[in-house]
Amino acid sequence: MTPTMLVVSLSYLVAAVLFILCLRGLSSPEGARRGLFLGELGMLIAVIGTLLHKDIIRYDWIIAGVVVGSGIGVAISATIPMTKMPERIALSHSFGGLATALVGVAEYLRESDGLTYFQIAALGLETFLGFLTFTGSIMAFGKLQGFISGAPVTWKGQNFLNIGLFIAAVLGIGVLVYDRELHQVFFAIAGTGLALGVMAVLPIGGADMPVVISLLNSYAGLAACATGFALGSQILIISGALDGSSGLLLSLLMSKAMNRSFANILFGAFGTALAPGAASPQLGKGGRSYNEATVEDAGAVLKASQTVIFIPGYGMAVSQAQHAVRDLAASLERRGVEVKYAIHPVAGRMPGHMNVLLAEANVSYDKLFDLDDINDDFARTDAVIVVGANDVVNPAAKKDPSSPIYGMPVFNVEQSRSVIVLKRSMNPGFSGVENELFFQPNTMMVLGDAKKTLLAMISELKEGH
């Protein structure tokens, strides 16, 4: 081994260790910043090591790719706010999947005659998963952004068609291994990946987008791992395997957090959406009415409270109210109130969505509590402020076996003395399930833009000090 290749191998080893430490750091809010830094450092070392590889003989196209890619990345980061991070992640996955797939296409056209059976199989899998990740991520981005309906789009025999396409792609890879010169089969595999990415995400409702994003991340990792086998790149094999396995594990953990099977998420067409312009429901089941309150009413409750728990949801992200939440919490703490934040594992539209937004607002990590750590505290809490959350606070998940979300772990919000719900309207969330909490006698609904309502509540506390 030449000295240069020894440096390359050592750089890959160091990068792999840093990637593992990155995942370890990202497993908790306290270590997330450190983990992210280690991951970035590992990627920088891996890229530098790769640029020293003996097979690279010119750098002009590489430099051009770095310039163009950096420009696109900076533009996306500058234009997409923190509240749109799920869309940002989905868009990044699409680029990663497309890059992997195009590498597979280029390598097949360039080296198909000299590839081993194993390498040709890896290339087929890489191209299939890469294109699937590309179109699937574009679909997820569209659903999150509102370009595509967040409701499940289904038709008869859809699941059988999707499963059939997957099986056809696997069989196509087998045929390609038997005769690598069948170029039409290779491009049919690529086309199947493109089509399946669209049709696999269409029937999944907006409520399940966090799982979809995580699963697409897993597909991208597996595609990168297959690329590593095809190209003989150890760092791609290691990083792809880490990415694929961690993404799959996270998807499984989120489905467990919703108490739903993985198959139900992928094939169950869960969730509905109201038609544009549909009226907000004024009455619940059995003609129950909700208690609509004013900012003054909510302020009176908060002034009499000694313990308050905030529960953020997707509505907080939509109204960009995380800073207003922090300011209201600070106002309460100045009055001697104990403030906590309850974070549900599937709140928002991506794993850790609420953590990211509250961190941007400089909310201390030690005030954030997971469901298992805080659920017993609600019975001893004077007031709970629900900011744009829906399904994660719905008592029907515990009491109504006929509810689609029955069995999903939710917060025991109804056990608190008072509940203040901030919502734009009485429309249900992405799951389309009516929330029984909104009709409880100890719940007051303060309707309107969450950010404006929170700012008004801050003013109310100051006036009544």
Protein backbone atom coordinates (compact mmCIF):
# COMPACT_ATOMS: atom_id res chain seq x y z
CA MET A 1 0.00 0.00 0.00
CA THR A 2 1.37 3.40 -0.99
CA PRO A 3 1.66 6.17 1.63
CA THR A 4 -1.17 8.08 -0.04
CA MET A 5 -3.55 5.11 0.08
CA LEU A 6 -2.56 4.52 3.70
CA VAL A 7 -3.64 8.08 4.47
CA VAL A 8 -6.91 7.46 2.62
CA SER A 9 -7.60 4.30 4.61
CA LEU A 10 -6.79 6.01 7.92
CA SER A 11 -9.03 8.96 7.04
CA TYR A 12 -11.91 6.56 6.34
CA LEU A 13 -11.33 4.83 9.70
CA VAL A 14 -11.34 8.14 11.58
CA ALA A 15 -14.44 9.30 9.67
CA ALA A 16 -16.29 6.07 10.47
CA VAL A 17 -15.56 6.47 14.20
CA LEU A 18 -16.75 10.08 14.08
CA PHE A 19 -19.97 9.03 12.33
CA ILE A 20 -20.70 6.55 15.12
CA LEU A 21 -20.01 9.20 17.77
CA CYS A 22 -22.27 11.56 15.80
CA LEU A 23 -25.21 9.16 16.05
CA ARG A 24 -24.53 8.68 19.73
CA GLY A 25 -24.60 12.44 20.30
CA LEU A 26 -27.78 12.90 18.28
CA SER A 27 -29.61 10.43 20.52
CA SER A 28 -30.19 13.17 23.15
CA PRO A 29 -30.84 16.93 23.00
CA GLU A 30 -27.87 17.60 25.29
CA GLY A 31 -25.40 15.91 22.96
CA ALA A 32 -27.00 16.92 19.65
CA ARG A 33 -24.76 19.92 18.94
CA ARG A 34 -21.62 17.96 19.72
CA GLY A 35 -22.85 15.01 17.65
CA LEU A 36 -23.61 17.26 14.69
CA PHE A 37 -20.13 18.79 14.85
CA LEU A 38 -18.50 15.35 14.96
CA GLY A 39 -20.57 14.22 11.97
CA GLU A 40 -19.57 17.29 9.98
CA LEU A 41 -15.91 16.76 10.89
CA GLY A 42 -16.14 13.10 9.88
CA MET A 43 -17.67 14.00 6.52
CA LEU A 44 -14.95 16.60 5.88
CA ILE A 45 -12.22 14.05 6.63
CA ALA A 46 -13.92 11.44 4.41
CA VAL A 47 -14.19 13.88 1.50
CA ILE A 48 -10.57 14.98 1.81
CA GLY A 49 -9.47 11.35 1.98
CA THR A 50 -11.48 10.52 -1.13
CA LEU A 51 -9.93 13.42 -3.05
CA LEU A 52 -6.53 11.85 -2.41
CA HIS A 53 -7.60 8.52 -3.93
CA LYS A 54 -5.39 7.23 -6.73
CA ASP A 55 -8.33 6.81 -9.13
CA ILE A 56 -9.00 10.55 -9.22
CA ILE A 57 -6.88 12.03 -11.99
CA ARG A 58 -8.59 15.41 -12.56
CA TYR A 59 -10.50 17.80 -10.33
CA ASP A 60 -12.22 20.25 -12.66
CA TRP A 61 -15.63 18.51 -12.65
CA ILE A 62 -15.35 17.90 -8.91
CA ILE A 63 -14.70 21.59 -8.27
CA ALA A 64 -17.63 22.54 -10.51
CA GLY A 65 -19.90 20.13 -8.61
CA VAL A 66 -18.77 21.57 -5.26
CA VAL A 67 -19.51 25.12 -6.42
CA VAL A 68 -22.95 24.32 -7.85
CA GLY A 69 -23.94 22.07 -4.96
CA SER A 70 -22.77 24.58 -2.35
CA GLY A 71 -24.73 27.31 -4.08
CA ILE A 72 -27.93 25.25 -4.08
CA GLY A 73 -27.41 24.25 -0.45
CA VAL A 74 -26.83 27.82 0.71
CA ALA A 75 -29.88 29.05 -1.23
CA ILE A 76 -32.12 26.37 0.28
CA SER A 77 -30.87 27.02 3.81
CA ALA A 78 -31.28 30.77 3.42
CA THR A 79 -34.83 30.61 2.07
CA ILE A 80 -36.37 27.81 4.17
CA PRO A 81 -36.98 28.87 7.80
CA MET A 82 -36.50 26.61 10.82
CA THR A 83 -40.26 26.08 10.99
CA LYS A 84 -40.03 24.38 7.57
CA MET A 85 -37.26 21.97 8.53
CA PRO A 86 -39.32 18.84 7.63
CA GLU A 87 -39.65 20.14 4.07
CA ARG A 88 -35.94 20.97 4.07
CA ILE A 89 -35.03 17.44 5.18
CA ALA A 90 -37.31 15.85 2.56
CA LEU A 91 -35.75 18.00 -0.16
CA SER A 92 -32.24 17.03 0.97
CA HIS A 93 -33.18 13.36 0.83
CA SER A 94 -34.36 13.80 -2.75
CA PHE A 95 -30.98 15.23 -3.81
CA GLY A 96 -29.14 12.44 -2.01
CA GLY A 97 -31.26 9.76 -3.65
CA LEU A 98 -30.87 11.31 -7.09
CA ALA A 99 -27.09 11.57 -6.71
CA THR A 100 -26.81 7.93 -5.68
CA ALA A 101 -29.02 6.76 -8.54
CA LEU A 102 -27.09 8.77 -11.14
CA VAL A 103 -23.81 7.32 -9.87
CA GLY A 104 -25.31 3.87 -10.36
CA VAL A 105 -26.42 4.68 -13.92
CA ALA A 106 -23.03 6.14 -14.83
CA GLU A 107 -21.11 3.21 -13.35
CA TYR A 108 -23.30 0.67 -15.15
CA LEU A 109 -22.85 2.38 -18.53
CA ARG A 110 -19.11 2.77 -17.97
CA GLU A 111 -18.13 -0.54 -16.42
CA SER A 112 -20.90 -3.08 -17.02
CA ASP A 113 -18.57 -5.46 -18.90
CA GLY A 114 -16.03 -5.69 -16.08
CA LEU A 115 -18.36 -5.88 -13.07
CA THR A 116 -18.74 -9.02 -10.97
CA TYR A 117 -22.13 -10.59 -10.34
CA PHE A 118 -22.16 -9.08 -6.86
CA GLN A 119 -21.31 -5.61 -8.15
CA ILE A 120 -23.98 -5.67 -10.83
CA ALA A 121 -26.56 -6.67 -8.20
CA ALA A 122 -25.37 -3.85 -5.95
CA LEU A 123 -25.65 -1.38 -8.82
CA GLY A 124 -29.20 -2.48 -9.61
CA LEU A 125 -30.24 -2.15 -5.96
CA GLU A 126 -28.47 1.20 -5.64
CA THR A 127 -30.22 2.64 -8.70
CA PHE A 128 -33.64 1.31 -7.69
CA LEU A 129 -33.46 2.62 -4.10
CA GLY A 130 -31.88 5.91 -5.21
CA PHE A 131 -34.65 6.75 -7.65
CA LEU A 132 -37.30 5.55 -5.17
CA THR A 133 -35.84 7.87 -2.53
CA PHE A 134 -35.74 10.74 -5.04
CA THR A 135 -39.39 10.68 -6.10
CA GLY A 136 -40.63 9.56 -2.67
CA SER A 137 -38.89 12.52 -1.02
CA ILE A 138 -40.30 14.91 -3.62
CA MET A 139 -43.77 13.57 -2.82
CA ALA A 140 -43.18 13.98 0.93
CA PHE A 141 -41.96 17.54 0.32
CA GLY A 142 -45.09 18.27 -1.73
CA LYS A 143 -47.42 16.91 0.94
CA LEU A 144 -45.69 18.88 3.70
CA GLN A 145 -45.58 22.07 1.62
CA GLY A 146 -49.22 21.73 0.58
CA PHE A 147 -48.56 21.31 -3.15
CA ILE A 148 -50.04 17.81 -2.87
CA SER A 149 -53.02 16.87 -0.70
CA GLY A 150 -52.02 15.72 2.78
CA ALA A 151 -54.90 13.24 2.70
CA PRO A 152 -54.21 9.67 1.55
CA VAL A 153 -54.72 9.19 -2.19
CA THR A 154 -55.84 5.62 -2.81
CA TRP A 155 -57.39 3.41 -5.45
CA LYS A 156 -58.45 -0.20 -5.67
CA GLY A 157 -55.58 -2.67 -5.77
CA GLN A 158 -52.99 -0.02 -4.99
CA ASN A 159 -51.10 -2.01 -2.35
CA PHE A 160 -50.94 -5.08 -4.59
CA LEU A 161 -49.61 -2.93 -7.42
CA ASN A 162 -46.90 -1.40 -5.23
CA ILE A 163 -45.83 -4.78 -3.87
CA GLY A 164 -45.85 -6.17 -7.42
CA LEU A 165 -43.57 -3.36 -8.61
CA PHE A 166 -41.13 -4.04 -5.78
CA ILE A 167 -41.04 -7.76 -6.58
CA ALA A 168 -40.61 -6.95 -10.28
CA ALA A 169 -37.59 -4.76 -9.48
CA VAL A 170 -36.00 -7.52 -7.40
CA LEU A 171 -36.58 -10.05 -10.20
CA GLY A 172 -35.18 -7.53 -12.69
CA ILE A 173 -31.98 -7.31 -10.67
CA GLY A 174 -31.78 -11.10 -10.80
CA VAL A 175 -32.18 -11.07 -14.58
CA LEU A 176 -29.50 -8.38 -14.83
CA VAL A 177 -27.09 -10.52 -12.84
CA TYR A 178 -27.74 -13.38 -15.28
CA ASP A 179 -27.16 -11.15 -18.34
CA ARG A 180 -25.58 -7.78 -17.59
CA GLU A 181 -25.91 -6.65 -21.21
CA LEU A 182 -29.70 -6.30 -20.94
CA HIS A 183 -29.60 -2.52 -20.73
CA GLN A 184 -33.35 -2.27 -21.12
CA VAL A 185 -33.82 -4.30 -17.92
CA PHE A 186 -31.49 -1.96 -16.02
CA PHE A 187 -33.43 1.12 -17.12
CA ALA A 188 -36.71 -0.65 -16.38
CA ILE A 189 -35.45 -1.13 -12.81
CA ALA A 190 -34.64 2.58 -12.65
CA GLY A 191 -38.10 3.49 -13.97
CA THR A 192 -39.75 1.17 -11.45
CA GLY A 193 -37.92 2.98 -8.64
CA LEU A 194 -39.15 6.35 -9.92
CA ALA A 195 -42.75 5.13 -10.15
CA LEU A 196 -42.76 3.32 -6.82
CA GLY A 197 -41.46 6.39 -4.99
CA VAL A 198 -44.55 8.30 -6.12
CA MET A 199 -47.11 5.55 -5.55
CA ALA A 200 -45.71 4.46 -2.18
CA VAL A 201 -46.06 7.94 -0.63
CA LEU A 202 -49.40 8.94 -2.21
CA PRO A 203 -51.52 6.70 0.07
CA ILE A 204 -49.76 7.87 3.26
CA GLY A 205 -51.48 10.70 5.14
CA GLY A 206 -49.83 13.83 6.46
CA ALA A 207 -49.97 12.55 10.04
CA ASP A 208 -47.45 9.83 9.14
CA MET A 209 -44.95 12.05 7.33
CA PRO A 210 -42.40 11.85 10.20
CA VAL A 211 -42.17 8.09 9.70
CA VAL A 212 -42.02 8.47 5.93
CA ILE A 213 -39.15 10.97 6.12
CA SER A 214 -37.22 8.67 8.44
CA LEU A 215 -37.88 5.66 6.22
CA LEU A 216 -36.75 7.52 3.11
CA ASN A 217 -33.58 8.39 4.99
CA SER A 218 -33.11 4.67 5.54
CA TYR A 219 -33.58 3.97 1.83
CA ALA A 220 -30.98 6.63 0.98
CA GLY A 221 -28.54 5.01 3.40
CA LEU A 222 -29.08 1.56 1.94
CA ALA A 223 -28.59 2.98 -1.57
CA ALA A 224 -25.32 4.58 -0.47
CA CYS A 225 -24.23 1.29 1.11
CA ALA A 226 -24.95 -0.53 -2.16
CA THR A 227 -22.93 2.14 -3.98
CA GLY A 228 -20.02 1.37 -1.68
CA PHE A 229 -20.14 -2.31 -2.58
CA ALA A 230 -20.36 -1.51 -6.28
CA LEU A 231 -17.45 0.93 -6.20
CA GLY A 232 -15.38 -0.83 -3.55
CA SER A 233 -15.59 2.18 -1.21
CA GLN A 234 -15.30 1.25 2.46
CA ILE A 235 -16.49 4.62 3.75
CA LEU A 236 -19.67 4.49 1.67
CA ILE A 237 -20.38 0.99 2.95
CA ILE A 238 -19.92 2.05 6.57
CA SER A 239 -21.73 5.39 6.41
CA GLY A 240 -24.54 3.96 4.29
CA ALA A 241 -25.05 1.07 6.69
CA LEU A 242 -25.12 3.47 9.66
CA ASP A 243 -27.57 5.76 7.91
CA GLY A 244 -29.81 2.94 6.71
CA SER A 245 -29.95 1.07 10.02
CA SER A 246 -30.45 4.19 12.16
CA GLY A 247 -33.20 5.47 9.84
CA LEU A 248 -35.02 2.15 9.95
CA LEU A 249 -34.67 1.92 13.74
CA LEU A 250 -36.03 5.46 14.14
CA SER A 251 -38.99 4.63 11.89
CA LEU A 252 -39.78 1.58 14.00
CA LEU A 253 -39.50 3.58 17.22
CA MET A 254 -41.89 6.24 15.89
CA SER A 255 -44.44 3.65 14.79
CA LYS A 256 -44.19 2.17 18.29
CA ALA A 257 -44.73 5.66 19.76
CA MET A 258 -48.01 5.80 17.79
CA ASN A 259 -48.83 2.21 18.77
CA ARG A 260 -49.30 1.29 15.14
CA SER A 261 -47.69 -1.38 13.04
CA PHE A 262 -45.22 -0.47 10.34
CA ALA A 263 -47.48 -2.12 7.76
CA ASN A 264 -50.43 0.03 8.86
CA ILE A 265 -48.40 3.19 8.30
CA LEU A 266 -47.19 2.12 4.86
CA PHE A 267 -50.42 0.55 3.61
CA GLY A 268 -53.20 1.73 5.93
CA ALA A 269 -53.99 5.10 4.27
CA PHE A 270 -54.37 6.66 7.71
CA GLY A 271 -55.53 10.26 8.04
CA THR A 272 -57.87 12.58 6.23
CA ALA A 273 -57.98 16.26 5.40
CA LEU A 274 -60.85 18.68 5.25
CA ALA A 275 -61.71 20.06 1.87
CA PRO A 276 -60.52 23.61 1.23
CA GLY A 277 -63.01 26.09 2.61
CA ALA A 278 -64.78 23.49 4.74
CA ALA A 279 -66.46 24.95 7.79
CA SER A 280 -65.02 24.35 11.24
CA PRO A 281 -67.15 22.04 13.38
CA GLN A 282 -68.98 23.93 16.09
CA LEU A 283 -70.34 20.89 17.88
CA GLY A 284 -68.75 17.59 18.84
CA LYS A 285 -70.30 14.14 18.92
CA GLY A 286 -73.68 14.12 20.59
CA GLY A 287 -74.10 17.86 20.14
CA ARG A 288 -71.40 18.81 22.64
CA SER A 289 -70.23 22.40 22.45
CA TYR A 290 -66.78 23.71 23.24
CA ASN A 291 -65.89 26.49 25.64
CA GLU A 292 -64.54 29.36 23.54
CA ALA A 293 -62.54 31.73 25.72
CA THR A 294 -60.78 35.06 25.35
CA VAL A 295 -57.20 36.02 26.03
CA GLU A 296 -58.42 37.69 29.22
CA ASP A 297 -60.00 34.41 30.38
CA ALA A 298 -56.77 32.54 29.72
CA GLY A 299 -54.76 35.25 31.47
CA ALA A 300 -56.92 34.96 34.57
CA VAL A 301 -56.22 31.22 34.74
CA LEU A 302 -52.48 31.72 34.33
CA LYS A 303 -52.36 34.41 37.02
CA ALA A 304 -53.84 31.93 39.48
CA SER A 305 -51.49 29.09 38.48
CA GLN A 306 -48.31 27.89 40.18
CA THR A 307 -47.43 25.13 37.70
CA VAL A 308 -47.79 25.33 33.90
CA ILE A 309 -46.91 22.82 31.18
CA PHE A 310 -46.58 23.82 27.52
CA ILE A 311 -47.36 21.20 24.84
CA PRO A 312 -46.15 22.35 21.41
CA GLY A 313 -47.42 20.86 18.16
CA TYR A 314 -47.30 21.45 14.44
CA GLY A 315 -49.50 24.53 14.86
CA MET A 316 -46.64 26.21 16.72
CA ALA A 317 -44.40 25.63 13.71
CA VAL A 318 -47.01 26.93 11.24
CA SER A 319 -47.47 30.19 13.15
CA GLN A 320 -43.73 30.43 13.98
CA ALA A 321 -44.68 30.90 17.60
CA GLN A 322 -41.71 29.27 19.33
CA HIS A 323 -40.21 32.60 20.44
CA ALA A 324 -43.58 33.77 21.73
CA VAL A 325 -43.91 30.53 23.69
CA ARG A 326 -40.52 31.16 25.29
CA ASP A 327 -41.47 34.76 26.13
CA LEU A 328 -44.75 33.72 27.76
CA ALA A 329 -42.90 31.06 29.75
CA ALA A 330 -40.38 33.71 30.88
CA SER A 331 -43.25 35.99 31.97
CA LEU A 332 -44.75 33.17 34.00
CA GLU A 333 -41.40 32.30 35.59
CA ARG A 334 -40.93 35.91 36.66
CA ARG A 335 -44.22 35.49 38.55
CA GLY A 336 -42.78 32.46 40.35
CA VAL A 337 -44.57 29.87 38.21
CA GLU A 338 -42.89 26.50 37.54
CA VAL A 339 -42.82 25.94 33.76
CA LYS A 340 -42.15 22.71 31.86
CA TYR A 341 -42.43 21.61 28.23
CA ALA A 342 -43.95 18.24 27.26
CA ILE A 343 -42.52 16.89 23.99
CA HIS A 344 -44.28 14.01 22.26
CA PRO A 345 -42.03 11.78 20.08
CA VAL A 346 -44.24 12.25 17.00
CA ALA A 347 -45.24 15.89 17.47
CA GLY A 348 -44.61 17.94 14.35
CA ARG A 349 -43.59 16.66 10.95
CA MET A 350 -40.20 15.09 11.64
CA PRO A 351 -38.42 13.44 14.57
CA GLY A 352 -37.32 16.12 17.03
CA HIS A 353 -39.23 18.87 15.22
CA MET A 354 -40.40 20.53 18.44
CA ASN A 355 -36.97 20.17 20.06
CA VAL A 356 -35.36 21.97 17.12
CA LEU A 357 -37.82 24.88 17.21
CA LEU A 358 -37.57 25.35 20.98
CA ALA A 359 -33.79 25.13 20.81
CA GLU A 360 -33.87 27.92 18.21
CA ALA A 361 -35.82 29.97 20.76
CA ASN A 362 -33.12 29.23 23.39
CA VAL A 363 -35.36 27.12 25.62
CA SER A 364 -33.17 25.20 28.04
CA TYR A 365 -32.95 21.44 27.40
CA ASP A 366 -33.55 20.66 31.07
CA LYS A 367 -37.08 22.02 30.74
CA LEU A 368 -38.03 19.58 27.97
CA PHE A 369 -39.62 16.32 29.08
CA ASP A 370 -40.59 13.20 27.15
CA LEU A 371 -44.01 11.61 27.46
CA ASP A 372 -42.95 8.93 29.96
CA ASP A 373 -41.13 11.45 32.16
CA ILE A 374 -43.93 14.00 32.47
CA ASN A 375 -47.23 12.17 32.04
CA ASP A 376 -47.74 11.65 35.79
CA ASP A 377 -47.23 15.39 36.43
CA PHE A 378 -50.41 16.52 34.69
CA ALA A 379 -52.63 15.50 37.62
CA ARG A 380 -50.61 17.95 39.78
CA THR A 381 -50.54 20.78 37.23
CA ASP A 382 -52.63 23.94 37.46
CA ALA A 383 -52.69 24.82 33.77
CA VAL A 384 -51.64 23.24 30.48
CA ILE A 385 -51.14 25.37 27.36
CA VAL A 386 -51.56 23.33 24.16
CA VAL A 387 -50.00 25.23 21.25
CA GLY A 388 -51.26 23.75 18.00
CA ALA A 389 -51.15 20.08 19.07
CA ASN A 390 -54.00 17.69 18.23
CA ASP A 391 -53.71 13.91 18.26
CA VAL A 392 -51.02 13.76 20.97
CA VAL A 393 -53.47 15.25 23.50
CA ASN A 394 -56.63 13.38 22.44
CA PRO A 395 -58.13 11.32 25.31
CA ALA A 396 -59.91 9.13 22.73
CA ALA A 397 -56.60 7.35 22.21
CA LYS A 398 -57.02 5.92 25.72
CA LYS A 399 -60.78 5.58 26.02
CA ASP A 400 -62.42 4.93 22.64
CA PRO A 401 -61.64 1.55 21.01
CA SER A 402 -63.44 2.68 17.85
CA SER A 403 -61.07 5.63 17.37
CA PRO A 404 -58.43 5.27 14.63
CA ILE A 405 -55.78 6.49 17.11
CA TYR A 406 -56.85 4.14 19.93
CA GLY A 407 -53.81 2.79 21.75
CA MET A 408 -51.51 5.63 20.72
CA PRO A 409 -49.63 6.94 23.80
CA VAL A 410 -50.83 10.48 24.51
CA PHE A 411 -50.38 13.07 27.23
CA ASN A 412 -52.74 12.96 30.26
CA VAL A 413 -53.69 16.57 29.64
CA GLU A 414 -57.31 16.19 30.72
CA GLN A 415 -56.15 15.37 34.28
CA SER A 416 -54.82 18.88 34.87
CA ARG A 417 -56.88 21.56 36.61
CA SER A 418 -57.25 23.75 33.50
CA VAL A 419 -56.40 23.34 29.82
CA ILE A 420 -55.85 26.27 27.45
CA VAL A 421 -55.84 25.21 23.78
CA LEU A 422 -54.47 27.61 21.17
CA LYS A 423 -55.72 26.71 17.69
CA ARG A 424 -56.46 28.54 14.49
CA SER A 425 -59.86 26.81 14.20
CA MET A 426 -61.77 23.77 15.41
CA ASN A 427 -60.69 21.72 12.41
CA PRO A 428 -59.16 18.34 13.30
CA GLY A 429 -55.47 17.65 12.83
CA PHE A 430 -53.86 15.63 10.05
CA SER A 431 -55.43 12.41 11.27
CA GLY A 432 -58.90 13.88 10.80
CA VAL A 433 -59.97 12.60 14.24
CA GLU A 434 -62.16 14.80 16.43
CA ASN A 435 -60.35 15.69 19.65
CA GLU A 436 -62.42 14.98 22.77
CA LEU A 437 -60.16 17.21 24.84
CA PHE A 438 -61.58 20.28 23.12
CA PHE A 439 -65.04 19.54 24.57
CA GLN A 440 -63.97 18.78 28.15
CA PRO A 441 -65.44 21.08 30.85
CA ASN A 442 -61.95 22.11 32.06
CA THR A 443 -60.78 23.09 28.55
CA MET A 444 -60.98 26.59 27.11
CA MET A 445 -60.44 27.13 23.39
CA VAL A 446 -58.67 30.35 22.42
CA LEU A 447 -59.02 30.41 18.64
CA GLY A 448 -56.81 32.41 16.30
CA ASP A 449 -53.20 32.66 15.22
CA ALA A 450 -51.11 31.10 18.00
CA LYS A 451 -48.32 33.66 17.86
CA LYS A 452 -50.69 36.63 18.11
CA THR A 453 -52.60 34.94 20.93
CA LEU A 454 -49.42 34.24 22.89
CA LEU A 455 -48.22 37.83 22.51
CA ALA A 456 -51.62 39.06 23.71
CA MET A 457 -51.40 36.72 26.73
CA ILE A 458 -47.98 38.16 27.58
CA SER A 459 -49.45 41.66 27.52
CA GLU A 460 -52.34 40.50 29.68
CA LEU A 461 -49.95 39.13 32.31
CA LYS A 462 -47.99 42.40 32.34
CA GLU A 463 -51.14 44.50 32.75
CA GLY A 464 -52.38 42.35 35.59
CA HIS A 465 -49.09 42.20 37.48
